């Protein structure tokens, strides 16, 4: 059996993503600035205990009618952790949102209280800020309330080889177009909070059946590149990519603060029985 390159496998995992399940914006476009908070949950504290703790944040935001929403995902692979995605059209919009929350003394106090309680369940917390790369994204629409799972593939690119990595993405996109795949993904570049040369490919699935489809389509895309194309692809990979890591998450409605439109789109999912 011919060995599939790590980067091709990582991209194949994301192929079936129905849309990019990032944070909500008023528009349907992918957010230009993405802020991710990552919480590592203590053993035995995930699930219901963490859902209850996080619900305090959601309640406080809802009562304050905070206009900026976020989507929570919890790990189905790797270490026990939850990621919280908040999207903005610009860094300026992020600053203004932060300032507005700071001026709301009641909301700020409730969030501070919730953070203290939540901290008892966590091993650690970190944050990252990323920007959207349209050229390396493929048919990336805005977020959708129908998403249930998120696939995140992290690429570490060798210093000085960002162009080679961009060429890799373009080759893969061209193969997707040739095959006629229904793939959708958004590529984000790490600006703060992680090593230089880090990219995150984000895609979402309505069901795990789409993951099965993604692997099947990945083989078709490999065939569409042809022998010479695959040779060039693998040469670029060796030159540009230090490592690839793919992880799977489920979207957690109990820890997400979403808009009324999302709740109306699927109330059984976004407003689960407590």
Protein backbone atom coordinates (compact mmCIF):
# COMPACT_ATOMS: atom_id res chain seq x y z
CA UNK A 1 0.00 0.00 0.00
CA UNK A 2 1.37 3.38 -1.00
CA UNK A 3 1.98 5.63 2.00
CA UNK A 4 -0.16 8.78 2.06
CA UNK A 5 1.76 11.88 3.14
CA UNK A 6 0.82 13.34 6.55
CA UNK A 7 -0.24 16.67 5.06
CA UNK A 8 -2.44 14.99 2.43
CA UNK A 9 -4.04 12.85 5.12
CA UNK A 10 -4.61 15.92 7.27
CA UNK A 11 -6.28 17.75 4.42
CA UNK A 12 -8.32 14.68 3.52
CA UNK A 13 -9.74 14.54 7.04
CA UNK A 14 -11.11 18.04 6.52
CA UNK A 15 -12.48 17.56 3.01
CA UNK A 16 -16.05 16.69 3.97
CA UNK A 17 -16.50 19.68 6.27
CA UNK A 18 -19.86 21.22 5.46
CA UNK A 19 -18.85 24.66 6.65
CA UNK A 20 -16.50 26.40 8.98
CA UNK A 21 -17.83 26.10 12.50
CA UNK A 22 -16.24 29.16 14.01
CA UNK A 23 -17.80 31.90 16.05
CA UNK A 24 -20.82 33.80 14.86
CA UNK A 25 -20.87 37.14 13.10
CA UNK A 26 -23.70 39.22 11.77
CA UNK A 27 -22.58 38.43 8.22
CA UNK A 28 -22.35 35.02 6.59
CA UNK A 29 -18.66 35.41 5.74
CA UNK A 30 -15.82 33.73 7.60
CA UNK A 31 -14.56 35.93 10.46
CA UNK A 32 -11.37 37.81 9.61
CA UNK A 33 -10.05 37.69 13.17
CA UNK A 34 -10.54 34.59 15.29
CA UNK A 35 -9.90 34.46 19.03
CA UNK A 36 -9.67 30.97 20.56
CA UNK A 37 -9.67 30.26 24.28
CA UNK A 38 -8.52 26.76 25.18
CA UNK A 39 -9.32 25.19 28.54
CA UNK A 40 -7.65 21.95 29.68
CA UNK A 41 -10.12 20.21 31.97
CA UNK A 42 -9.05 18.19 35.02
CA UNK A 43 -9.63 14.45 34.99
CA UNK A 44 -13.17 13.68 36.13
CA UNK A 45 -14.33 17.30 35.73
CA UNK A 46 -15.37 17.22 32.07
CA UNK A 47 -18.97 16.65 30.99
CA UNK A 48 -21.74 17.76 33.37
CA UNK A 49 -19.52 19.56 35.94
CA UNK A 50 -17.88 21.66 33.25
CA UNK A 51 -21.17 22.24 31.41
CA UNK A 52 -22.68 23.60 34.64
CA UNK A 53 -19.71 25.87 35.27
CA UNK A 54 -19.69 27.24 31.74
CA UNK A 55 -23.45 27.85 31.80
CA UNK A 56 -22.77 30.74 34.19
CA UNK A 57 -20.91 32.56 31.42
CA UNK A 58 -23.69 31.88 28.93
CA UNK A 59 -26.37 33.09 31.36
CA UNK A 60 -24.47 36.29 32.16
CA UNK A 61 -23.93 37.08 28.48
CA UNK A 62 -27.56 36.38 27.61
CA UNK A 63 -28.91 38.54 30.44
CA UNK A 64 -26.66 41.40 29.31
CA UNK A 65 -27.75 40.86 25.69
CA UNK A 66 -24.08 40.86 24.68
CA UNK A 67 -24.05 41.06 20.86
CA UNK A 68 -20.88 39.02 20.30
CA UNK A 69 -21.47 35.27 20.39
CA UNK A 70 -19.19 32.28 20.69
CA UNK A 71 -19.22 28.56 19.93
CA UNK A 72 -17.79 25.94 22.29
CA UNK A 73 -16.28 22.63 21.21
CA UNK A 74 -15.06 19.77 23.41
CA UNK A 75 -12.43 17.20 22.51
CA UNK A 76 -13.15 13.76 21.12
CA UNK A 77 -9.42 13.12 20.63
CA UNK A 78 -6.25 14.12 22.43
CA UNK A 79 -6.19 15.63 25.92
CA UNK A 80 -9.44 16.60 27.62
CA UNK A 81 -10.03 20.22 26.60
CA UNK A 82 -12.62 22.66 25.30
CA UNK A 83 -12.12 25.41 22.74
CA UNK A 84 -14.17 28.60 22.57
CA UNK A 85 -14.29 30.44 19.24
CA UNK A 86 -15.14 34.14 18.94
CA UNK A 87 -14.93 35.83 15.55
CA UNK A 88 -14.58 39.51 14.68
CA UNK A 89 -14.46 41.46 11.39
CA UNK A 90 -11.31 43.28 12.61
CA UNK A 91 -8.98 43.80 15.56
CA UNK A 92 -10.65 47.15 16.12
CA UNK A 93 -14.03 45.43 16.51
CA UNK A 94 -12.50 43.07 19.07
CA UNK A 95 -11.14 45.99 21.08
CA UNK A 96 -14.48 47.80 21.04
CA UNK A 97 -16.31 44.65 22.17
CA UNK A 98 -13.85 44.18 25.05
CA UNK A 99 -14.25 47.80 26.09
CA UNK A 100 -18.05 47.52 26.02
CA UNK A 101 -17.95 44.49 28.31
CA UNK A 102 -15.57 46.30 30.66
CA UNK A 103 -17.96 49.23 30.95
CA UNK A 104 -20.80 46.91 31.93
CA UNK A 105 -19.95 46.53 35.63
CA UNK A 106 -22.70 44.00 36.35
CA UNK A 107 -21.66 41.74 33.46
CA UNK A 108 -17.96 42.06 34.32
CA UNK A 109 -18.63 41.08 37.93
CA UNK A 110 -20.65 38.02 36.89
CA UNK A 111 -17.96 36.94 34.42
CA UNK A 112 -15.25 37.34 37.08
CA UNK A 113 -17.28 35.22 39.49
CA UNK A 114 -17.82 32.57 36.81
CA UNK A 115 -14.09 32.49 36.00
CA UNK A 116 -13.19 31.79 39.63
CA UNK A 117 -15.64 28.87 39.80
CA UNK A 118 -14.61 27.53 36.40
CA UNK A 119 -10.93 27.69 37.34
CA UNK A 120 -11.47 25.01 39.97
CA UNK A 121 -12.16 22.51 37.17
CA UNK A 122 -9.20 23.38 34.96
CA UNK A 123 -5.55 22.40 34.71
CA UNK A 124 -4.67 25.40 32.53
CA UNK A 125 -5.99 27.97 30.06
CA UNK A 126 -4.39 29.59 27.03
CA UNK A 127 -5.49 31.84 24.19
CA UNK A 128 -4.62 32.34 20.55
CA UNK A 129 -5.47 34.96 17.94
CA UNK A 130 -5.56 34.06 14.26
CA UNK A 131 -6.36 35.78 10.96
CA UNK A 132 -8.21 34.36 7.98
CA UNK A 133 -6.29 33.45 4.82
CA UNK A 134 -8.72 33.56 1.90
CA UNK A 135 -6.21 32.23 -0.65
CA UNK A 136 -5.69 28.98 1.27
CA UNK A 137 -9.37 28.53 2.15
CA UNK A 138 -11.87 26.66 0.00
CA UNK A 139 -15.52 27.62 -0.32
CA UNK A 140 -15.49 28.74 3.31
CA UNK A 141 -18.92 30.09 4.23
CA UNK A 142 -19.78 31.61 7.56
CA UNK A 143 -20.71 29.45 10.53
CA UNK A 144 -23.85 27.33 10.50
CA UNK A 145 -26.20 26.22 13.30
CA UNK A 146 -26.41 22.74 11.73
CA UNK A 147 -22.76 21.89 12.51
CA UNK A 148 -22.22 19.21 15.15
CA UNK A 149 -18.51 18.35 14.90
CA UNK A 150 -15.35 20.29 14.18
CA UNK A 151 -12.12 19.01 12.67
CA UNK A 152 -8.98 21.05 13.32
CA UNK A 153 -5.75 20.34 11.47
CA UNK A 154 -2.69 22.20 12.75
CA UNK A 155 0.25 22.77 10.43
CA UNK A 156 3.67 23.97 11.51
CA UNK A 157 5.46 25.50 8.54
CA UNK A 158 9.23 25.70 8.27
CA UNK A 159 10.65 29.22 8.54
CA UNK A 160 11.08 30.81 5.13
CA UNK A 161 8.76 28.33 3.39
CA UNK A 162 5.38 30.02 3.66
CA UNK A 163 5.19 30.29 -0.13
CA UNK A 164 5.80 26.55 -0.49
CA UNK A 165 2.97 25.92 1.96
CA UNK A 166 0.69 28.26 0.02
CA UNK A 167 1.57 26.39 -3.17
CA UNK A 168 0.67 23.11 -1.43
CA UNK A 169 -2.75 24.50 -0.53
CA UNK A 170 -3.30 25.75 -4.08
CA UNK A 171 -2.45 22.33 -5.50
CA UNK A 172 -4.92 20.69 -3.16
CA UNK A 173 -7.63 23.23 -3.97
CA UNK A 174 -7.09 22.66 -7.69
CA UNK A 175 -7.49 18.89 -7.18
CA UNK A 176 -10.69 19.45 -5.18
CA UNK A 177 -12.09 21.53 -8.02
CA UNK A 178 -11.11 18.86 -10.55
CA UNK A 179 -12.84 16.12 -8.56
CA UNK A 180 -15.88 18.27 -7.87
CA UNK A 181 -15.77 17.64 -4.14
CA UNK A 182 -18.18 19.34 -1.76
CA UNK A 183 -15.28 20.29 0.51
CA UNK A 184 -15.37 23.48 2.59
CA UNK A 185 -12.69 24.76 4.93
CA UNK A 186 -11.15 27.93 6.31
CA UNK A 187 -7.42 28.41 6.82
CA UNK A 188 -6.21 30.62 9.64
CA UNK A 189 -2.71 31.92 10.40
CA UNK A 190 -1.55 32.18 14.01
CA UNK A 191 -0.72 35.79 14.83
CA UNK A 192 -0.45 35.59 18.63
CA UNK A 193 -0.36 32.81 21.19
CA UNK A 194 1.54 30.11 19.28
CA UNK A 195 4.74 29.35 17.38
CA UNK A 196 5.52 31.33 14.25
CA UNK A 197 4.45 29.51 11.11
CA UNK A 198 1.38 27.87 12.66
CA UNK A 199 -1.77 27.47 10.54
CA UNK A 200 -5.11 26.00 11.55
CA UNK A 201 -7.43 24.44 8.99
CA UNK A 202 -10.99 24.45 10.36
CA UNK A 203 -13.93 22.52 9.01
CA UNK A 204 -17.19 21.24 10.43
CA UNK A 205 -19.47 18.27 9.89
CA UNK A 206 -23.21 17.85 10.29
CA UNK A 207 -22.58 14.21 11.16
CA UNK A 208 -19.71 11.74 11.43
CA UNK A 209 -20.84 10.21 8.15
CA UNK A 210 -19.22 13.24 6.52
CA UNK A 211 -15.89 12.18 8.02
CA UNK A 212 -16.23 8.84 6.23
CA UNK A 213 -16.91 10.75 3.02
CA UNK A 214 -13.88 12.93 3.63
CA UNK A 215 -11.50 9.97 3.69
CA UNK A 216 -13.10 8.54 0.54
CA UNK A 217 -12.83 11.85 -1.28
CA UNK A 218 -9.23 12.22 -0.11
CA UNK A 219 -8.27 9.16 -2.12
CA UNK A 220 -10.00 10.59 -5.20
CA UNK A 221 -8.12 13.85 -4.79
CA UNK A 222 -4.84 11.98 -4.54
CA UNK A 223 -5.69 10.19 -7.79
CA UNK A 224 -6.68 13.48 -9.43
CA UNK A 225 -3.21 14.88 -8.76
CA UNK A 226 -1.62 12.04 -10.68
CA UNK A 227 1.82 10.57 -10.20
CA UNK A 228 3.72 13.70 -11.24
CA UNK A 229 1.44 15.95 -9.22
CA UNK A 230 1.86 13.81 -6.12
CA UNK A 231 5.63 13.87 -6.55
CA UNK A 232 5.65 17.66 -6.68
CA UNK A 233 3.20 17.82 -3.77
CA UNK A 234 5.39 15.62 -1.59
CA UNK A 235 8.52 17.60 -2.50
CA UNK A 236 6.80 20.80 -1.38
CA UNK A 237 5.63 19.06 1.77
CA UNK A 238 9.16 18.01 2.72
CA UNK A 239 10.40 21.53 2.09
CA UNK A 240 7.62 23.39 3.88
CA UNK A 241 5.94 21.34 6.61
CA UNK A 242 7.50 20.50 9.96
CA UNK A 243 4.47 18.69 11.41
CA UNK A 244 0.74 18.05 10.96
CA UNK A 245 -1.75 17.23 13.71
CA UNK A 246 -5.49 16.57 13.26
CA UNK A 247 -8.00 16.56 16.12
CA UNK A 248 -11.76 16.02 16.36
CA UNK A 249 -14.17 18.00 18.55
CA UNK A 250 -17.89 17.97 19.19
CA UNK A 251 -19.82 21.22 19.34
CA UNK A 252 -21.23 21.73 22.83
CA UNK A 253 -24.51 23.70 22.92
CA UNK A 254 -24.55 23.94 26.73
CA UNK A 255 -21.27 25.87 26.70
CA UNK A 256 -22.01 28.00 23.62
CA UNK A 257 -23.50 31.48 23.56
CA UNK A 258 -25.33 31.68 20.23
CA UNK A 259 -27.82 34.06 18.64
CA UNK A 260 -31.59 33.74 18.72
CA UNK A 261 -31.49 32.90 15.00
CA UNK A 262 -29.32 29.87 15.70
CA UNK A 263 -31.60 28.74 18.52
CA UNK A 264 -34.67 29.08 16.28
CA UNK A 265 -32.91 27.10 13.54
CA UNK A 266 -32.57 24.05 15.82
CA UNK A 267 -34.02 24.62 19.32
CA UNK A 268 -33.73 20.95 20.32
CA UNK A 269 -29.96 21.12 19.88
CA UNK A 270 -29.14 24.67 21.01
CA UNK A 271 -31.55 24.65 23.97
CA UNK A 272 -31.14 21.11 25.36
CA UNK A 273 -33.07 20.04 28.44
CA UNK A 274 -31.12 20.72 31.59
